[in-house]
Amino acid sequence: MANLRNPIILGEDKKIHCEIQEITNKQIFGFEILEIPGHAPDQVAFYDKECKWLFAGDLLIENIPSNAFIEPDYDGIRTKSLVQQKQSLEKCSSLNVELFFSGHGIIIENPVDLLKERIKQIDEKANK
């Protein structure tokens, strides 16, 4: 446990102090803001319909499936993060995306097949 606390203690002077604000405008700098919970409950993506670009962080990583974090909501109730992640993958696969900018690794070109593969993996795991 001490090793897990060390990065928090060592990074204390680097943390950002601000109020978290709800996103009320669903567009910023020409990007449509999409809610894509699952990997994290508050995760958002930025979609440029004209360029067909999607910046979606760790929702999709080329060489490994990303994890759905199991976290409680504000009332302490466990969220259905894997269900949310599957829905977010489905939402992204329904978009006309040519370039998917992931949180890790390379830019994924024509990501629909990989999105469908990750959805299939979730379904197969659930069926076990």
C-alpha atoms as a PDB file:
ATOM      1  CA  MET A   1       0.000   0.000   0.000  1.00  0.00           C
ATOM      2  CA  ALA A   2       2.841   2.367   0.769  1.00  0.00           C
ATOM      3  CA  ASN A   3       4.134   2.020  -2.794  1.00  0.00           C
ATOM      4  CA  LEU A   4       0.675   2.910  -4.126  1.00  0.00           C
ATOM      5  CA  ARG A   5       0.519   6.031  -1.966  1.00  0.00           C
ATOM      6  CA  ASN A   6       3.982   7.302  -2.938  1.00  0.00           C
ATOM      7  CA  PRO A   7       2.977   8.674  -6.373  1.00  0.00           C
ATOM      8  CA  ILE A   8       0.087  10.569  -4.768  1.00  0.00           C
ATOM      9  CA  ILE A   9       2.366  12.080  -2.128  1.00  0.00           C
ATOM     10  CA  LEU A  10       5.162  12.845  -4.612  1.00  0.00           C
ATOM     11  CA  GLY A  11       2.707  14.463  -7.064  1.00  0.00           C
ATOM     12  CA  GLU A  12       0.925  16.612  -4.487  1.00  0.00           C
ATOM     13  CA  ASP A  13       2.474  19.828  -5.828  1.00  0.00           C
ATOM     14  CA  LYS A  14       1.420  18.963  -9.391  1.00  0.00           C
ATOM     15  CA  LYS A  15      -2.297  18.451  -8.858  1.00  0.00           C
ATOM     16  CA  ILE A  16      -4.752  20.821 -10.442  1.00  0.00           C
ATOM     17  CA  HIS A  17      -6.938  22.840  -8.108  1.00  0.00           C
ATOM     18  CA  CYS A  18     -10.235  23.765  -9.724  1.00  0.00           C
ATOM     19  CA  GLU A  19     -13.931  23.080  -9.627  1.00  0.00           C
ATOM     20  CA  ILE A  20     -15.216  20.378 -11.924  1.00  0.00           C
ATOM     21  CA  GLN A  21     -17.761  21.892 -14.242  1.00  0.00           C
ATOM     22  CA  GLU A  22     -20.463  20.102 -16.168  1.00  0.00           C
ATOM     23  CA  ILE A  23     -20.155  20.322 -19.927  1.00  0.00           C
ATOM     24  CA  THR A  24     -23.278  22.094 -21.094  1.00  0.00           C
ATOM     25  CA  ASN A  25     -22.142  22.986 -24.590  1.00  0.00           C
ATOM     26  CA  LYS A  26     -21.983  19.840 -26.729  1.00  0.00           C
ATOM     27  CA  GLN A  27     -19.448  21.379 -29.095  1.00  0.00           C
ATOM     28  CA  ILE A  28     -16.012  22.909 -28.695  1.00  0.00           C
ATOM     29  CA  PHE A  29     -13.554  24.125 -31.353  1.00  0.00           C
ATOM     30  CA  GLY A  30     -15.640  22.438 -34.056  1.00  0.00           C
ATOM     31  CA  PHE A  31     -15.641  19.080 -32.286  1.00  0.00           C
ATOM     32  CA  GLU A  32     -18.851  17.419 -31.152  1.00  0.00           C
ATOM     33  CA  ILE A  33     -18.503  16.245 -27.549  1.00  0.00           C
ATOM     34  CA  LEU A  34     -19.745  12.680 -27.017  1.00  0.00           C
ATOM     35  CA  GLU A  35     -20.242  10.957 -23.699  1.00  0.00           C
ATOM     36  CA  ILE A  36     -18.514   7.560 -23.837  1.00  0.00           C
ATOM     37  CA  PRO A  37     -18.508   6.085 -20.324  1.00  0.00           C
ATOM     38  CA  GLY A  38     -17.104   2.647 -19.633  1.00  0.00           C
ATOM     39  CA  HIS A  39     -13.362   2.869 -19.402  1.00  0.00           C
ATOM     40  CA  ALA A  40     -14.063   5.756 -17.034  1.00  0.00           C
ATOM     41  CA  PRO A  41     -17.490   6.959 -15.926  1.00  0.00           C
ATOM     42  CA  ASP A  42     -16.908  10.545 -17.021  1.00  0.00           C
ATOM     43  CA  GLN A  43     -15.063   9.879 -20.276  1.00  0.00           C
ATOM     44  CA  VAL A  44     -15.836  12.010 -23.308  1.00  0.00           C
ATOM     45  CA  ALA A  45     -14.757  11.913 -26.945  1.00  0.00           C
ATOM     46  CA  PHE A  46     -14.263  14.683 -29.459  1.00  0.00           C
ATOM     47  CA  TYR A  47     -15.649  13.998 -32.933  1.00  0.00           C
ATOM     48  CA  ASP A  48     -14.963  16.017 -36.069  1.00  0.00           C
ATOM     49  CA  LYS A  49     -17.651  14.951 -38.506  1.00  0.00           C
ATOM     50  CA  GLU A  50     -16.074  16.827 -41.414  1.00  0.00           C
ATOM     51  CA  CYS A  51     -12.588  15.302 -41.034  1.00  0.00           C
ATOM     52  CA  LYS A  52     -14.033  11.985 -39.765  1.00  0.00           C
ATOM     53  CA  TRP A  53     -11.708  12.084 -36.764  1.00  0.00           C
ATOM     54  CA  LEU A  54     -12.516  10.798 -33.284  1.00  0.00           C
ATOM     55  CA  PHE A  55     -10.394  11.521 -30.211  1.00  0.00           C
ATOM     56  CA  ALA A  56     -11.620   8.963 -27.679  1.00  0.00           C
ATOM     57  CA  GLY A  57      -8.802   8.279 -25.262  1.00  0.00           C
ATOM     58  CA  ASP A  58      -8.601   4.787 -23.832  1.00  0.00           C
ATOM     59  CA  LEU A  59     -11.959   3.527 -25.097  1.00  0.00           C
ATOM     60  CA  LEU A  60     -10.148   1.775 -27.944  1.00  0.00           C
ATOM     61  CA  ILE A  61      -6.488   0.766 -28.008  1.00  0.00           C
ATOM     62  CA  GLU A  62      -5.145  -1.015 -31.053  1.00  0.00           C
ATOM     63  CA  ASN A  63      -3.184  -3.899 -29.563  1.00  0.00           C
ATOM     64  CA  ILE A  64      -5.074  -4.608 -26.311  1.00  0.00           C
ATOM     65  CA  PRO A  65      -8.641  -4.329 -25.048  1.00  0.00           C
ATOM     66  CA  SER A  66      -9.079  -1.462 -22.603  1.00  0.00           C
ATOM     67  CA  ASN A  67     -10.539  -2.168 -19.184  1.00  0.00           C
ATOM     68  CA  ALA A  68     -13.888  -0.952 -17.960  1.00  0.00           C
ATOM     69  CA  PHE A  69     -13.123   0.564 -14.575  1.00  0.00           C
ATOM     70  CA  ILE A  70     -15.461  -0.568 -11.825  1.00  0.00           C
ATOM     71  CA  GLU A  71     -16.240   2.550  -9.851  1.00  0.00           C
ATOM     72  CA  PRO A  72     -19.186   3.625  -7.727  1.00  0.00           C
ATOM     73  CA  ASP A  73     -21.379   6.533  -8.785  1.00  0.00           C
ATOM     74  CA  TYR A  74     -21.868   9.625  -6.594  1.00  0.00           C
ATOM     75  CA  ASP A  75     -24.316   7.670  -4.394  1.00  0.00           C
ATOM     76  CA  GLY A  76     -21.843   4.806  -3.865  1.00  0.00           C
ATOM     77  CA  ILE A  77     -23.702   2.419  -6.179  1.00  0.00           C
ATOM     78  CA  ARG A  78     -21.532   0.318  -8.485  1.00  0.00           C
ATOM     79  CA  THR A  79     -21.927   1.395 -12.102  1.00  0.00           C
ATOM     80  CA  LYS A  80     -22.412  -1.091 -14.915  1.00  0.00           C
ATOM     81  CA  SER A  81     -19.163   0.002 -16.505  1.00  0.00           C
ATOM     82  CA  LEU A  82     -18.781  -2.926 -18.903  1.00  0.00           C
ATOM     83  CA  VAL A  83     -22.316  -2.382 -20.236  1.00  0.00           C
ATOM     84  CA  GLN A  84     -21.498   1.316 -20.605  1.00  0.00           C
ATOM     85  CA  GLN A  85     -18.239   0.516 -22.362  1.00  0.00           C
ATOM     86  CA  LYS A  86     -20.010  -1.768 -24.847  1.00  0.00           C
ATOM     87  CA  GLN A  87     -22.597   0.941 -25.541  1.00  0.00           C
ATOM     88  CA  SER A  88     -19.819   3.486 -26.069  1.00  0.00           C
ATOM     89  CA  LEU A  89     -18.016   1.163 -28.485  1.00  0.00           C
ATOM     90  CA  GLU A  90     -21.300   0.688 -30.365  1.00  0.00           C
ATOM     91  CA  LYS A  91     -21.863   4.464 -30.450  1.00  0.00           C
ATOM     92  CA  CYS A  92     -18.403   5.009 -31.927  1.00  0.00           C
ATOM     93  CA  SER A  93     -18.812   2.208 -34.465  1.00  0.00           C
ATOM     94  CA  SER A  94     -21.997   3.870 -35.752  1.00  0.00           C
ATOM     95  CA  LEU A  95     -20.093   7.070 -36.568  1.00  0.00           C
ATOM     96  CA  ASN A  96     -18.413   7.645 -39.891  1.00  0.00           C
ATOM     97  CA  VAL A  97     -14.863   7.637 -38.472  1.00  0.00           C
ATOM     98  CA  GLU A  98     -11.734   7.238 -40.573  1.00  0.00           C
ATOM     99  CA  LEU A  99      -9.126   8.107 -37.927  1.00  0.00           C
ATOM    100  CA  PHE A 100      -9.432   7.117 -34.274  1.00  0.00           C
ATOM    101  CA  PHE A 101      -6.993   8.878 -31.968  1.00  0.00           C
ATOM    102  CA  SER A 102      -6.420   6.535 -29.046  1.00  0.00           C
ATOM    103  CA  GLY A 103      -5.004   7.333 -25.637  1.00  0.00           C
ATOM    104  CA  HIS A 104      -2.162   4.866 -26.266  1.00  0.00           C
ATOM    105  CA  GLY A 105      -0.370   3.584 -29.313  1.00  0.00           C
ATOM    106  CA  ILE A 106      -0.843   4.553 -32.926  1.00  0.00           C
ATOM    107  CA  ILE A 107      -3.691   6.341 -34.681  1.00  0.00           C
ATOM    108  CA  ILE A 108      -6.187   3.686 -35.750  1.00  0.00           C
ATOM    109  CA  GLU A 109      -7.273   3.956 -39.367  1.00  0.00           C
ATOM    110  CA  ASN A 110     -10.797   2.819 -40.276  1.00  0.00           C
ATOM    111  CA  PRO A 111     -11.530   1.585 -36.734  1.00  0.00           C
ATOM    112  CA  VAL A 112     -14.939  -0.035 -37.347  1.00  0.00           C
ATOM    113  CA  ASP A 113     -13.582  -3.597 -37.582  1.00  0.00           C
ATOM    114  CA  LEU A 114     -11.579  -3.196 -34.369  1.00  0.00           C
ATOM    115  CA  LEU A 115     -14.557  -1.625 -32.571  1.00  0.00           C
ATOM    116  CA  LYS A 116     -16.726  -4.570 -33.630  1.00  0.00           C
ATOM    117  CA  GLU A 117     -14.016  -7.006 -32.486  1.00  0.00           C
ATOM    118  CA  ARG A 118     -13.921  -5.408 -29.023  1.00  0.00           C
ATOM    119  CA  ILE A 119     -17.742  -5.606 -28.816  1.00  0.00           C
ATOM    120  CA  LYS A 120     -17.574  -9.278 -29.833  1.00  0.00           C
ATOM    121  CA  GLN A 121     -14.966  -9.959 -27.131  1.00  0.00           C
ATOM    122  CA  ILE A 122     -17.218  -8.389 -24.490  1.00  0.00           C
ATOM    123  CA  ASP A 123     -20.152 -10.531 -25.656  1.00  0.00           C
ATOM    124  CA  GLU A 124     -18.063 -13.719 -25.666  1.00  0.00           C
ATOM    125  CA  LYS A 125     -16.775 -13.034 -22.176  1.00  0.00           C
ATOM    126  CA  ALA A 126     -20.323 -12.345 -20.945  1.00  0.00           C
ATOM    127  CA  ASN A 127     -21.554 -15.604 -22.471  1.00  0.00           C
ATOM    128  CA  LYS A 128     -18.947 -17.606 -20.543  1.00  0.00           C
END
